[in-house]
Protein backbone atom coordinates (compact mmCIF):
# COMPACT_ATOMS: atom_id res chain seq x y z
CA MET A 1 57.12 17.59 98.12
CA ALA A 2 60.39 18.25 99.95
CA GLY A 3 59.65 15.30 102.26
CA PRO A 4 59.45 12.75 99.42
CA TRP A 5 62.55 14.20 97.75
CA LEU A 6 64.66 14.07 100.91
CA SER A 7 63.35 10.58 101.67
CA ALA A 8 64.72 9.43 98.31
CA HIS A 9 68.25 10.15 99.54
CA LEU A 10 67.68 8.04 102.64
CA PHE A 11 66.64 5.01 100.61
CA ASP A 12 69.48 5.66 98.17
CA HIS A 13 71.92 5.50 101.09
CA TYR A 14 70.61 2.03 101.86
CA GLN A 15 70.88 0.95 98.22
CA PHE A 16 74.57 1.84 98.18
CA THR A 17 75.49 0.58 101.64
CA GLY A 18 73.02 -2.19 102.49
CA ASP A 19 72.87 -0.77 106.03
CA LYS A 20 69.61 -2.22 107.39
CA GLN A 21 70.14 -0.70 110.83
CA PHE A 22 70.20 2.77 109.22
CA LEU A 23 67.18 1.84 107.13
CA ARG A 24 65.18 0.68 110.15
CA ASN A 25 66.17 3.25 112.77
CA GLU A 26 66.77 6.42 110.77
CA ALA A 27 65.35 6.20 107.26
CA TRP A 28 62.08 4.33 107.75
CA PRO A 29 60.43 6.67 110.28
CA ILE A 30 61.09 9.65 107.99
CA MET A 31 60.07 7.84 104.82
CA LYS A 32 56.88 6.54 106.42
CA GLY A 33 56.03 10.00 107.77
CA ALA A 34 56.49 11.53 104.32
CA ALA A 35 54.30 8.82 102.77
CA GLU A 36 51.58 9.36 105.41
CA PHE A 37 51.59 13.04 104.52
CA CYS A 38 51.25 12.25 100.81
CA LEU A 39 48.37 9.84 101.41
CA ALA A 40 46.58 12.58 103.34
CA TRP A 41 47.45 15.16 100.67
CA LEU A 42 46.06 13.24 97.69
CA VAL A 43 42.34 13.40 96.86
CA LYS A 44 40.25 11.35 94.44
CA GLY A 45 39.30 12.94 91.14
CA LYS A 46 36.14 12.40 89.11
CA ASP A 47 37.84 9.61 87.17
CA GLY A 48 38.75 7.76 90.36
CA LYS A 49 42.44 8.58 90.01
CA LEU A 50 44.33 10.37 92.77
CA VAL A 51 45.01 14.09 92.46
CA SER A 52 47.74 16.25 93.94
CA ALA A 53 46.28 19.68 94.51
CA PRO A 54 47.45 22.37 94.64
CA SER A 55 50.49 21.39 92.62
CA ALA A 56 53.45 23.32 91.23
CA SER A 57 56.51 22.76 89.08
CA PRO A 58 58.78 24.79 91.37
CA GLU A 59 59.48 28.38 90.33
CA ASN A 60 58.16 27.83 86.80
CA THR A 61 55.13 29.71 85.48
CA PHE A 62 52.81 28.66 82.66
CA ILE A 63 50.37 30.38 80.32
CA THR A 64 46.77 29.18 80.65
CA ALA A 65 44.34 28.61 77.80
CA LYS A 66 42.88 32.05 78.57
CA GLY A 67 46.28 33.71 78.26
CA ASP A 68 46.75 34.28 81.98
CA THR A 69 49.87 33.24 83.86
CA ALA A 70 49.81 30.86 86.80
CA GLU A 71 52.01 28.58 88.89
CA LEU A 72 49.48 26.38 90.68
CA SER A 73 47.50 23.59 89.05
CA THR A 74 46.93 19.90 89.75
CA ASN A 75 49.11 16.83 89.19
CA SER A 76 52.32 18.41 88.00
CA THR A 77 54.71 15.75 86.73
CA GLY A 78 57.18 16.46 89.54
CA ASP A 79 54.58 15.74 92.21
CA ILE A 80 53.53 12.48 90.61
CA ALA A 81 57.12 11.31 90.15
CA LEU A 82 58.14 12.08 93.73
CA MET A 83 55.14 10.35 95.27
CA ARG A 84 55.37 7.32 92.99
CA GLU A 85 59.03 6.91 93.95
CA LEU A 86 58.36 7.40 97.65
CA PHE A 87 55.52 4.88 97.75
CA THR A 88 57.60 2.34 95.81
CA ASN A 89 60.59 2.79 98.12
CA CYS A 90 58.39 2.49 101.20
CA ILE A 91 56.87 -0.75 99.94
CA LYS A 92 60.35 -2.17 99.35
CA THR A 93 61.51 -1.00 102.76
CA ALA A 94 58.52 -2.55 104.55
CA GLU A 95 59.34 -5.86 102.83
CA LEU A 96 63.03 -5.65 103.73
CA LEU A 97 62.26 -4.89 107.37
CA HIS A 98 59.25 -7.26 107.62
CA THR A 99 57.14 -4.47 109.04
CA ASP A 100 54.01 -2.37 108.43
CA ALA A 101 52.23 -4.78 106.07
CA ALA A 102 48.92 -2.91 106.40
CA PHE A 103 50.56 0.42 105.59
CA SER A 104 52.34 -1.14 102.64
CA LYS A 105 48.96 -2.33 101.31
CA LYS A 106 47.64 1.25 101.49
CA LEU A 107 50.60 2.42 99.44
CA ARG A 108 50.06 -0.31 96.83
CA ASN A 109 46.43 0.75 96.50
CA ALA A 110 47.47 4.38 96.14
CA LEU A 111 50.11 3.54 93.53
CA ALA A 112 47.47 1.79 91.44
CA LEU A 113 45.44 5.01 91.41
CA MET A 114 48.30 7.41 90.65
CA PRO A 115 47.92 9.13 87.27
CA ASP A 116 50.17 8.23 84.37
CA TYR A 117 52.76 10.61 82.97
CA LYS A 118 51.36 12.76 80.16
CA ILE A 119 52.90 13.10 76.70
CA GLY A 120 52.22 16.23 74.65
CA SER A 121 51.41 16.88 70.99
CA LYS A 122 55.10 17.03 70.06
CA GLY A 123 55.86 13.75 71.77
CA GLN A 124 57.32 15.48 74.83
CA LEU A 125 56.99 14.57 78.49
CA LEU A 126 54.69 17.24 79.88
CA GLU A 127 55.66 19.37 82.85
CA TRP A 128 52.07 19.97 83.90
CA GLU A 129 48.89 17.94 83.61
CA GLN A 130 47.87 19.96 80.58
CA GLU A 131 50.01 21.13 77.67
CA TRP A 132 50.53 24.66 78.88
CA GLN A 133 53.40 26.73 77.56
CA PRO A 134 56.02 27.96 80.03
CA VAL A 135 56.43 31.70 80.45
CA ASP A 136 60.20 31.08 80.37
CA PRO A 137 61.06 28.39 77.75
CA SER A 138 64.64 28.28 79.09
CA HIS A 139 63.70 27.82 82.73
CA ARG A 140 66.51 26.32 84.79
CA HIS A 141 64.31 23.96 86.81
CA LEU A 142 63.58 20.59 85.23
CA THR A 143 61.28 19.13 87.86
CA HIS A 144 59.36 17.10 85.26
CA MET A 145 62.66 15.33 84.56
CA TYR A 146 62.81 13.98 88.12
CA PRO A 147 61.85 10.41 87.08
CA VAL A 148 64.85 10.56 84.69
CA PHE A 149 67.33 12.21 87.06
CA PRO A 150 67.89 12.08 89.97
CA GLY A 151 65.12 9.49 90.02
CA ASN A 152 65.45 6.13 88.26
CA GLU A 153 61.97 5.41 86.94
CA ILE A 154 62.57 6.35 83.29
CA SER A 155 65.49 5.03 81.25
CA PRO A 156 66.12 3.75 77.70
CA TYR A 157 65.72 0.20 79.06
CA THR A 158 62.90 0.43 81.60
CA ASN A 159 60.56 2.56 79.48
CA PRO A 160 61.75 3.47 75.96
CA ARG A 161 58.53 5.35 75.16
CA LEU A 162 58.80 7.69 78.14
CA ASN A 163 62.55 7.97 77.60
CA ALA A 164 61.90 9.23 74.06
CA ALA A 165 59.35 11.69 75.48
CA ALA A 166 61.93 12.93 77.99
CA ILE A 167 64.47 13.45 75.20
CA LYS A 168 61.91 15.49 73.26
CA ALA A 169 61.14 17.59 76.35
CA LEU A 170 64.86 18.30 76.81
CA GLU A 171 65.15 19.29 73.16
CA LEU A 172 62.26 21.73 73.53
CA ARG A 173 63.77 23.31 76.65
CA LYS A 174 65.87 26.18 75.37
CA LYS A 175 69.34 27.06 76.62
CA THR A 176 69.05 27.48 80.36
CA ASN A 177 69.48 30.72 82.26
CA CYS A 178 71.75 29.70 85.12
CA THR A 179 75.00 27.84 85.66
CA TRP A 180 73.72 24.88 87.71
CA GLY A 181 70.88 24.47 85.22
CA PHE A 182 73.41 23.37 82.60
CA ALA A 183 74.71 20.62 84.89
CA LEU A 184 71.21 19.42 85.74
CA LYS A 185 70.21 19.27 82.08
CA ALA A 186 73.48 17.51 81.18
CA ALA A 187 72.80 14.84 83.82
CA CYS A 188 69.35 14.29 82.32
CA TRP A 189 70.89 13.95 78.85
CA ALA A 190 73.28 11.34 80.24
CA ARG A 191 70.47 9.36 81.85
CA THR A 192 68.55 9.26 78.57
CA GLY A 193 71.66 7.93 76.80
CA GLN A 194 72.39 11.10 74.80
CA ALA A 195 76.14 11.27 75.40
CA ASP A 196 77.18 14.11 73.14
CA SER A 197 74.23 16.30 74.16
CA ALA A 198 75.28 15.75 77.78
CA TRP A 199 78.84 16.80 76.99
CA ALA A 200 77.84 19.87 74.95
CA THR A 201 75.45 21.08 77.64
CA TRP A 202 77.97 20.48 80.42
CA GLN A 203 80.54 22.67 78.65
CA GLU A 204 78.28 25.66 79.21
CA GLN A 205 78.69 25.23 82.95
CA LEU A 206 82.45 24.66 82.74
CA ARG A 207 83.06 27.89 80.79
CA TYR A 208 85.70 30.13 82.42
CA VAL A 209 84.43 33.40 83.85
CA SER A 210 86.78 36.11 85.05
CA PRO A 211 86.22 37.22 88.66
CA LEU A 212 86.89 40.76 87.44
CA SER A 213 83.92 40.66 85.08
CA THR A 214 81.42 43.47 85.62
CA SER A 215 78.66 42.03 83.44
CA PRO A 216 76.47 39.53 85.30
CA VAL A 217 74.01 39.15 82.40
CA ASN A 218 74.38 35.80 80.61
CA ASN A 219 77.87 35.52 82.06
CA TYR A 220 77.39 31.94 83.14
CA GLY A 221 80.18 29.53 83.96
CA LEU A 222 82.76 29.03 86.70
CA PHE A 223 85.14 31.37 88.47
CA PRO A 224 88.79 30.19 88.85
CA ASN A 225 87.95 28.70 92.27
CA PHE A 226 85.16 26.63 90.59
CA PHE A 227 82.32 28.55 92.24
CA ASN A 228 79.37 29.13 89.95
CA SER A 229 79.11 32.62 88.51
CA ASP A 230 75.35 33.08 88.68
CA GLY A 231 75.56 36.06 90.97
CA LYS A 232 77.23 37.57 94.00
CA ASP A 233 76.11 34.69 96.21
CA VAL A 234 78.15 31.51 96.55
CA ILE A 235 76.10 28.89 94.69
CA MET A 236 77.55 25.41 95.07
CA ASN A 237 74.75 23.12 93.91
CA GLY A 238 75.96 23.24 90.32
CA ASN A 239 79.37 21.94 91.35
CA GLY A 240 77.87 18.90 93.04
CA CYS A 241 75.73 18.22 90.02
CA ALA A 242 78.78 18.55 87.77
CA THR A 243 80.35 15.62 89.61
CA ALA A 244 77.17 13.66 88.96
CA VAL A 245 77.27 14.48 85.24
CA LEU A 246 80.71 12.98 84.79
CA THR A 247 79.79 9.90 86.82
CA GLU A 248 76.51 9.33 84.95
CA MET A 249 78.40 9.34 81.65
CA ILE A 250 80.61 6.46 82.83
CA VAL A 251 78.47 4.35 85.19
CA GLN A 252 74.77 4.37 85.93
CA SER A 253 73.24 2.12 88.54
CA ARG A 254 69.68 1.33 89.38
CA GLU A 255 68.44 -0.99 92.08
CA ASN A 256 68.88 -4.12 89.99
CA GLU A 257 71.31 -3.11 87.25
CA ILE A 258 74.68 -1.48 86.65
CA ASP A 259 75.21 0.10 83.23
CA LEU A 260 78.82 0.45 82.03
CA LEU A 261 79.71 3.42 79.79
CA PRO A 262 76.04 4.28 79.16
CA ALA A 263 76.61 7.81 77.84
CA LEU A 264 80.28 8.13 76.96
CA PRO A 265 80.84 11.22 74.77
CA LYS A 266 83.07 10.97 71.71
CA ILE A 267 85.68 13.22 73.30
CA PHE A 268 86.33 10.55 75.98
CA THR A 269 87.63 7.93 73.56
CA THR A 270 90.18 6.68 76.10
CA GLY A 271 90.08 6.84 79.87
CA SER A 272 89.88 5.15 83.23
CA VAL A 273 88.15 5.65 86.53
CA TYR A 274 88.69 4.00 89.90
CA GLY A 275 86.54 3.51 92.97
CA LEU A 276 83.10 4.39 91.62
CA HIS A 277 80.31 3.03 93.82
CA ALA A 278 77.12 1.50 92.43
CA ARG A 279 73.78 0.64 93.97
CA GLY A 280 73.64 -2.87 95.30
CA GLY A 281 77.00 -2.52 97.04
CA PHE A 282 79.62 -2.66 94.29
CA THR A 283 82.82 -0.73 93.55
CA LEU A 284 84.07 -0.37 89.98
CA ASP A 285 87.41 0.30 88.33
CA LEU A 286 86.86 0.85 84.61
CA ASN A 287 89.17 1.22 81.63
CA TRP A 288 88.19 1.98 78.07
CA SER A 289 89.77 2.90 74.73
CA GLU A 290 88.36 3.68 71.30
CA SER A 291 85.13 4.37 73.20
CA LYS A 292 84.80 0.71 74.19
CA LEU A 293 85.16 -1.05 77.51
CA HIS A 294 88.46 -2.77 78.27
CA ASN A 295 89.24 -5.23 81.02
CA SER A 296 88.00 -3.83 84.33
CA ASN A 297 87.29 -4.83 87.92
CA LEU A 298 84.19 -5.03 90.08
CA THR A 299 84.35 -5.60 93.85
CA SER A 300 81.31 -6.89 95.72
CA ILE A 301 80.97 -5.09 99.05
CA LEU A 302 77.78 -6.84 100.17
CA GLY A 303 77.73 -10.14 98.28
CA ASN A 304 74.57 -9.30 96.32
CA LYS A 305 73.67 -10.67 92.90
CA CYS A 306 75.04 -8.44 90.14
CA ASN A 307 73.29 -7.50 86.90
CA LEU A 308 75.87 -5.88 84.65
CA ARG A 309 74.88 -4.16 81.39
CA SER A 310 77.60 -3.83 78.77
CA ALA A 311 77.31 -3.08 75.05
CA THR A 312 80.70 -4.80 74.68
CA VAL A 313 80.67 -8.61 74.94
CA ILE A 314 82.30 -9.65 78.22
CA LYS A 315 82.97 -12.59 80.50
CA ILE A 316 83.39 -12.59 84.26
CA ILE A 317 86.43 -14.10 86.02
CA SER A 318 87.25 -14.43 89.74
CA LYS A 319 90.52 -15.82 91.11
CA GLY A 320 91.48 -16.94 87.63
CA LYS A 321 88.33 -19.00 87.10
CA PRO A 322 85.29 -18.14 84.94
CA VAL A 323 82.12 -17.16 86.78
CA THR A 324 78.79 -18.46 85.53
CA ALA A 325 76.81 -15.51 84.20
CA LYS A 326 73.37 -15.70 82.65
CA ARG A 327 73.21 -13.40 79.65
CA ASN A 328 70.02 -11.66 78.53
CA GLY A 329 70.83 -9.30 75.68
CA ASP A 330 73.46 -6.90 77.02
CA VAL A 331 72.84 -7.80 80.68
CA TYR A 332 75.03 -10.34 82.48
CA ALA A 333 73.62 -11.70 85.76
CA PHE A 334 75.88 -13.50 88.21
CA ASN A 335 76.12 -14.24 91.93
CA THR A 336 78.88 -12.60 93.97
CA ILE A 337 80.68 -13.30 97.22
CA LYS A 338 81.09 -10.54 99.79
CA GLY A 339 84.54 -8.99 99.50
CA ALA A 340 85.44 -10.76 96.26
CA THR A 341 86.77 -8.96 93.18
CA TYR A 342 85.62 -9.90 89.70
CA GLN A 343 87.46 -9.21 86.47
CA ILE A 344 85.33 -7.96 83.60
CA VAL A 345 87.13 -9.40 80.57
CA VAL A 346 86.31 -8.07 77.11
CA LEU A 347 86.01 -10.75 74.43
């Protein structure tokens, strides 16, 4: 499933930049190749649904009903999430590029036969097709959280039921056993809207560790140079994820929506951020105090329509004049002009 995962970054690049030449010449051949592999990989089960087999939730081991331990099964949640996302992104790309209609139809047919995500007896999003128990309840990998983060399929708005199941799964996952695992879990907390859980978990990664320490056991955190302290090796993936955690607390963007201050922890009662990029081709400068949005700016890089979600009531102004925005609950939809800056005014 590395192909689908890497392909997600290619489509994400397009979502941020709107670069169709990149999408056509560089991204599409790789994305299509990954999707062709997945179509060949999947087989039909007895119920007519598609099956990924063999399937693993990377590096994690479960206990079978017989008491044995195993890693391979069928239809792990990570596999399903990655292929669903890849097929969806390929269908969108084929439409954008006006190409491969027949292949796109194959992907639509496959999507219709992909299994649903499973919810366990405790209301949790399952990691495997069956409700097996992990050998390590604190395992650092959260592959079943992929549709929450870094994917975009599950959120409090798009699917509240699955979002609640993801929250329960995170609650059941015990304190992780590696530095970057804290950052990954914190990002998932942020995506589910659990601000203070995200902050508390993130603090475990940001804990100071002396470079002179001789005890590697449970000595998780950061050295003074901000390298992770998981071992003698230089492990940088936690640092990159830490940047994502902070960003996801302040702005989250999906293909058709930008969410302002979606998971702001109580400790960040006042603050500002400048130059954050959002999918759809937008740049944001945000200010807030008393944990609420204050007047801010949004610049349209591509001239796309903007759907802005804000719990605080706002109006949009450009060049001193109000911009017509259609409001649906907390979402404000308005057209933008390429290169124009829009003031987000709190009422």
